[in-house]
């Protein structure tokens, strides 16, 4: 999934697709959004941040009580490769 697709598709469509994504896809989407948030100007962040919050909610749904630990572990594992 490309950054452009994650940022351009309607939020409702992204929300629907999240449930059918495997964990790696959800985590990759989160990573792309983090990168996008770092590259955006402060005034252009609202849409990116709302998508990050949506994915954070999906991760919490999949891993109750673990916050973003599964994502951080995935990210750390990918950094080693």
N, C-alpha and C. Protein backbone atom coordinates (compact mmCIF):
# COMPACT_ATOMS: atom_id res chain seq x y z
N UNK A 1 0.84 -1.16 0.00
CA UNK A 1 0.00 0.00 0.00
C UNK A 1 0.89 1.23 0.00
N UNK A 2 0.61 2.14 -0.87
CA UNK A 2 1.46 3.33 -1.00
C UNK A 2 1.01 4.43 -0.05
N UNK A 3 1.95 5.30 0.25
CA UNK A 3 1.64 6.45 1.09
C UNK A 3 0.54 7.28 0.45
N UNK A 4 0.62 7.45 -0.86
CA UNK A 4 -0.37 8.25 -1.56
C UNK A 4 -1.77 7.67 -1.37
N UNK A 5 -1.90 6.35 -1.45
CA UNK A 5 -3.21 5.71 -1.29
C UNK A 5 -3.72 5.91 0.14
N UNK A 6 -2.87 5.73 1.10
CA UNK A 6 -3.28 5.89 2.50
C UNK A 6 -3.72 7.32 2.78
N UNK A 7 -3.05 8.27 2.17
CA UNK A 7 -3.36 9.68 2.43
C UNK A 7 -4.48 10.21 1.55
N UNK A 8 -4.75 9.56 0.42
CA UNK A 8 -5.74 10.12 -0.49
C UNK A 8 -7.11 9.45 -0.41
N UNK A 9 -7.17 8.19 0.00
CA UNK A 9 -8.47 7.55 0.04
C UNK A 9 -9.30 8.13 1.18
N UNK A 10 -10.61 8.13 1.02
CA UNK A 10 -11.46 8.65 2.10
C UNK A 10 -11.22 7.89 3.40
N UNK A 11 -11.29 8.60 4.51
CA UNK A 11 -11.03 8.00 5.81
C UNK A 11 -12.00 6.85 6.08
N UNK A 12 -13.24 6.98 5.65
CA UNK A 12 -14.22 5.90 5.86
C UNK A 12 -13.79 4.62 5.14
N UNK A 13 -13.24 4.77 3.94
CA UNK A 13 -12.75 3.60 3.19
C UNK A 13 -11.57 2.96 3.91
N UNK A 14 -10.66 3.77 4.40
CA UNK A 14 -9.51 3.26 5.14
C UNK A 14 -9.99 2.51 6.39
N UNK A 15 -10.94 3.08 7.10
CA UNK A 15 -11.46 2.45 8.31
C UNK A 15 -12.06 1.09 8.00
N UNK A 16 -12.79 0.97 6.91
CA UNK A 16 -13.38 -0.31 6.53
C UNK A 16 -12.32 -1.33 6.14
N UNK A 17 -11.29 -0.89 5.44
CA UNK A 17 -10.25 -1.80 4.98
C UNK A 17 -9.35 -2.29 6.11
N UNK A 18 -9.21 -1.52 7.16
CA UNK A 18 -8.32 -1.90 8.26
C UNK A 18 -8.69 -3.25 8.85
N UNK A 19 -9.97 -3.53 8.97
CA UNK A 19 -10.41 -4.79 9.58
C UNK A 19 -9.95 -6.00 8.78
N UNK A 20 -9.79 -5.85 7.48
CA UNK A 20 -9.39 -6.99 6.64
C UNK A 20 -7.88 -7.05 6.39
N UNK A 21 -7.16 -6.05 6.86
CA UNK A 21 -5.70 -6.05 6.67
C UNK A 21 -5.03 -6.99 7.67
N UNK A 22 -3.94 -7.62 7.23
CA UNK A 22 -3.14 -8.39 8.17
C UNK A 22 -2.30 -7.40 8.99
N UNK A 23 -1.76 -7.89 10.10
CA UNK A 23 -1.00 -7.00 10.99
C UNK A 23 0.12 -6.27 10.26
N UNK A 24 0.87 -6.96 9.43
CA UNK A 24 1.97 -6.31 8.71
C UNK A 24 1.48 -5.13 7.87
N UNK A 25 0.31 -5.27 7.26
CA UNK A 25 -0.24 -4.17 6.46
C UNK A 25 -0.63 -2.99 7.34
N UNK A 26 -1.23 -3.28 8.47
CA UNK A 26 -1.62 -2.21 9.40
C UNK A 26 -0.38 -1.49 9.90
N UNK A 27 0.64 -2.26 10.29
CA UNK A 27 1.86 -1.66 10.80
C UNK A 27 2.59 -0.86 9.72
N UNK A 28 2.60 -1.37 8.49
CA UNK A 28 3.24 -0.64 7.38
C UNK A 28 2.51 0.67 7.11
N UNK A 29 1.18 0.64 7.20
CA UNK A 29 0.39 1.87 7.01
C UNK A 29 0.73 2.88 8.10
N UNK A 30 0.87 2.40 9.32
CA UNK A 30 1.23 3.29 10.43
C UNK A 30 2.60 3.91 10.19
N UNK A 31 3.54 3.10 9.75
CA UNK A 31 4.89 3.61 9.48
C UNK A 31 4.87 4.68 8.39
N UNK A 32 4.11 4.43 7.32
CA UNK A 32 4.00 5.43 6.26
C UNK A 32 3.40 6.73 6.76
N UNK A 33 2.40 6.62 7.61
CA UNK A 33 1.77 7.83 8.15
C UNK A 33 2.71 8.57 9.09
N UNK A 34 3.50 7.85 9.86
CA UNK A 34 4.48 8.51 10.72
C UNK A 34 5.47 9.32 9.88
N UNK A 35 5.94 8.72 8.81
CA UNK A 35 6.87 9.42 7.92
C UNK A 35 6.20 10.65 7.32
N UNK A 36 4.96 10.48 6.88
CA UNK A 36 4.23 11.61 6.29
C UNK A 36 4.04 12.73 7.31
N UNK A 37 3.79 12.36 8.56
CA UNK A 37 3.58 13.40 9.58
C UNK A 37 4.86 14.18 9.85
N UNK A 38 5.99 13.53 9.72
CA UNK A 38 7.26 14.21 9.94
C UNK A 38 7.61 15.15 8.78
N UNK A 39 7.09 14.84 7.61
CA UNK A 39 7.41 15.64 6.42
C UNK A 39 6.43 16.79 6.20
N UNK A 40 5.32 16.78 6.89
CA UNK A 40 4.29 17.80 6.69
C UNK A 40 4.56 19.03 7.54
N UNK A 41 4.04 20.13 7.05
CA UNK A 41 4.06 21.36 7.84
C UNK A 41 2.99 21.23 8.92
N UNK A 42 3.19 21.92 9.99
CA UNK A 42 2.29 21.84 11.14
C UNK A 42 0.82 22.06 10.75
N UNK A 43 0.55 22.98 9.88
CA UNK A 43 -0.83 23.29 9.52
C UNK A 43 -1.46 22.24 8.61
N UNK A 44 -0.66 21.34 8.05
CA UNK A 44 -1.17 20.31 7.15
C UNK A 44 -1.29 18.93 7.82
N UNK A 45 -1.20 18.89 9.13
CA UNK A 45 -1.14 17.62 9.84
C UNK A 45 -2.49 17.01 10.21
N UNK A 46 -3.55 17.77 10.24
CA UNK A 46 -4.82 17.27 10.76
C UNK A 46 -5.27 15.96 10.11
N UNK A 47 -5.23 15.89 8.80
CA UNK A 47 -5.70 14.69 8.11
C UNK A 47 -4.79 13.50 8.42
N UNK A 48 -3.49 13.73 8.43
CA UNK A 48 -2.54 12.65 8.73
C UNK A 48 -2.74 12.16 10.16
N UNK A 49 -2.88 13.08 11.09
CA UNK A 49 -3.05 12.69 12.49
C UNK A 49 -4.35 11.94 12.72
N UNK A 50 -5.41 12.30 12.01
CA UNK A 50 -6.67 11.56 12.15
C UNK A 50 -6.53 10.13 11.65
N UNK A 51 -5.75 9.94 10.60
CA UNK A 51 -5.51 8.59 10.08
C UNK A 51 -4.62 7.79 11.03
N UNK A 52 -3.66 8.45 11.63
CA UNK A 52 -2.82 7.77 12.63
C UNK A 52 -3.68 7.32 13.81
N UNK A 53 -4.57 8.17 14.27
CA UNK A 53 -5.46 7.82 15.38
C UNK A 53 -6.34 6.63 15.02
N UNK A 54 -6.80 6.58 13.79
CA UNK A 54 -7.63 5.47 13.32
C UNK A 54 -6.84 4.16 13.38
N UNK A 55 -5.61 4.19 12.92
CA UNK A 55 -4.78 2.98 12.93
C UNK A 55 -4.38 2.61 14.36
N UNK A 56 -4.12 3.60 15.19
CA UNK A 56 -3.84 3.30 16.61
C UNK A 56 -5.02 2.57 17.24
N UNK A 57 -6.23 3.00 16.92
CA UNK A 57 -7.43 2.34 17.44
C UNK A 57 -7.53 0.90 16.96
N UNK A 58 -7.18 0.66 15.71
CA UNK A 58 -7.21 -0.70 15.17
C UNK A 58 -6.17 -1.58 15.86
N UNK A 59 -4.99 -1.05 16.10
CA UNK A 59 -3.95 -1.82 16.80
C UNK A 59 -4.42 -2.14 18.22
N UNK A 60 -5.01 -1.19 18.89
CA UNK A 60 -5.52 -1.41 20.25
C UNK A 60 -6.64 -2.46 20.24
N UNK A 61 -7.47 -2.45 19.20
CA UNK A 61 -8.54 -3.45 19.10
C UNK A 61 -7.95 -4.85 18.96
N UNK A 62 -6.89 -4.97 18.18
CA UNK A 62 -6.25 -6.27 17.95
C UNK A 62 -5.41 -6.72 19.13
N UNK A 63 -4.84 -5.79 19.83
CA UNK A 63 -3.94 -6.09 20.96
C UNK A 63 -4.39 -5.30 22.19
N UNK A 64 -5.51 -5.70 22.79
CA UNK A 64 -6.05 -4.94 23.93
C UNK A 64 -5.03 -4.78 25.06
N UNK A 65 -4.93 -3.56 25.54
CA UNK A 65 -4.08 -3.27 26.68
C UNK A 65 -2.60 -3.17 26.37
N UNK A 66 -2.22 -3.36 25.12
CA UNK A 66 -0.79 -3.32 24.78
C UNK A 66 -0.37 -2.01 24.12
N UNK A 67 -1.31 -1.11 23.96
CA UNK A 67 -1.04 0.17 23.31
C UNK A 67 -0.35 -0.07 21.97
N UNK A 68 0.77 0.54 21.73
CA UNK A 68 1.46 0.38 20.45
C UNK A 68 2.67 -0.54 20.53
N UNK A 69 2.77 -1.32 21.58
CA UNK A 69 3.93 -2.21 21.74
C UNK A 69 4.09 -3.15 20.54
N UNK A 70 3.02 -3.80 20.06
CA UNK A 70 3.20 -4.69 18.90
C UNK A 70 3.75 -3.95 17.67
N UNK A 71 3.30 -2.73 17.47
CA UNK A 71 3.80 -1.93 16.34
C UNK A 71 5.28 -1.60 16.54
N UNK A 72 5.64 -1.17 17.72
CA UNK A 72 7.04 -0.82 17.99
C UNK A 72 7.95 -2.03 17.81
N UNK A 73 7.50 -3.20 18.25
CA UNK A 73 8.28 -4.42 18.09
C UNK A 73 8.42 -4.77 16.61
N UNK A 74 7.34 -4.61 15.85
CA UNK A 74 7.38 -4.86 14.41
C UNK A 74 8.36 -3.91 13.74
N UNK A 75 8.29 -2.65 14.11
CA UNK A 75 9.15 -1.63 13.54
C UNK A 75 10.61 -1.91 13.85
N UNK A 76 10.88 -2.29 15.09
CA UNK A 76 12.24 -2.61 15.50
C UNK A 76 12.77 -3.83 14.72
N UNK A 77 11.93 -4.82 14.54
CA UNK A 77 12.31 -6.01 13.78
C UNK A 77 12.59 -5.70 12.32
N UNK A 78 11.84 -4.80 11.74
CA UNK A 78 12.07 -4.41 10.35
C UNK A 78 13.32 -3.57 10.19
N UNK A 79 13.69 -2.84 11.22
CA UNK A 79 14.88 -1.99 11.16
C UNK A 79 16.16 -2.84 11.10
N UNK A 80 16.09 -4.03 11.62
CA UNK A 80 17.26 -4.92 11.63
C UNK A 80 17.53 -5.55 10.29
N UNK A 81 16.52 -5.58 9.42
CA UNK A 81 16.68 -6.26 8.12
C UNK A 81 17.32 -5.39 7.09
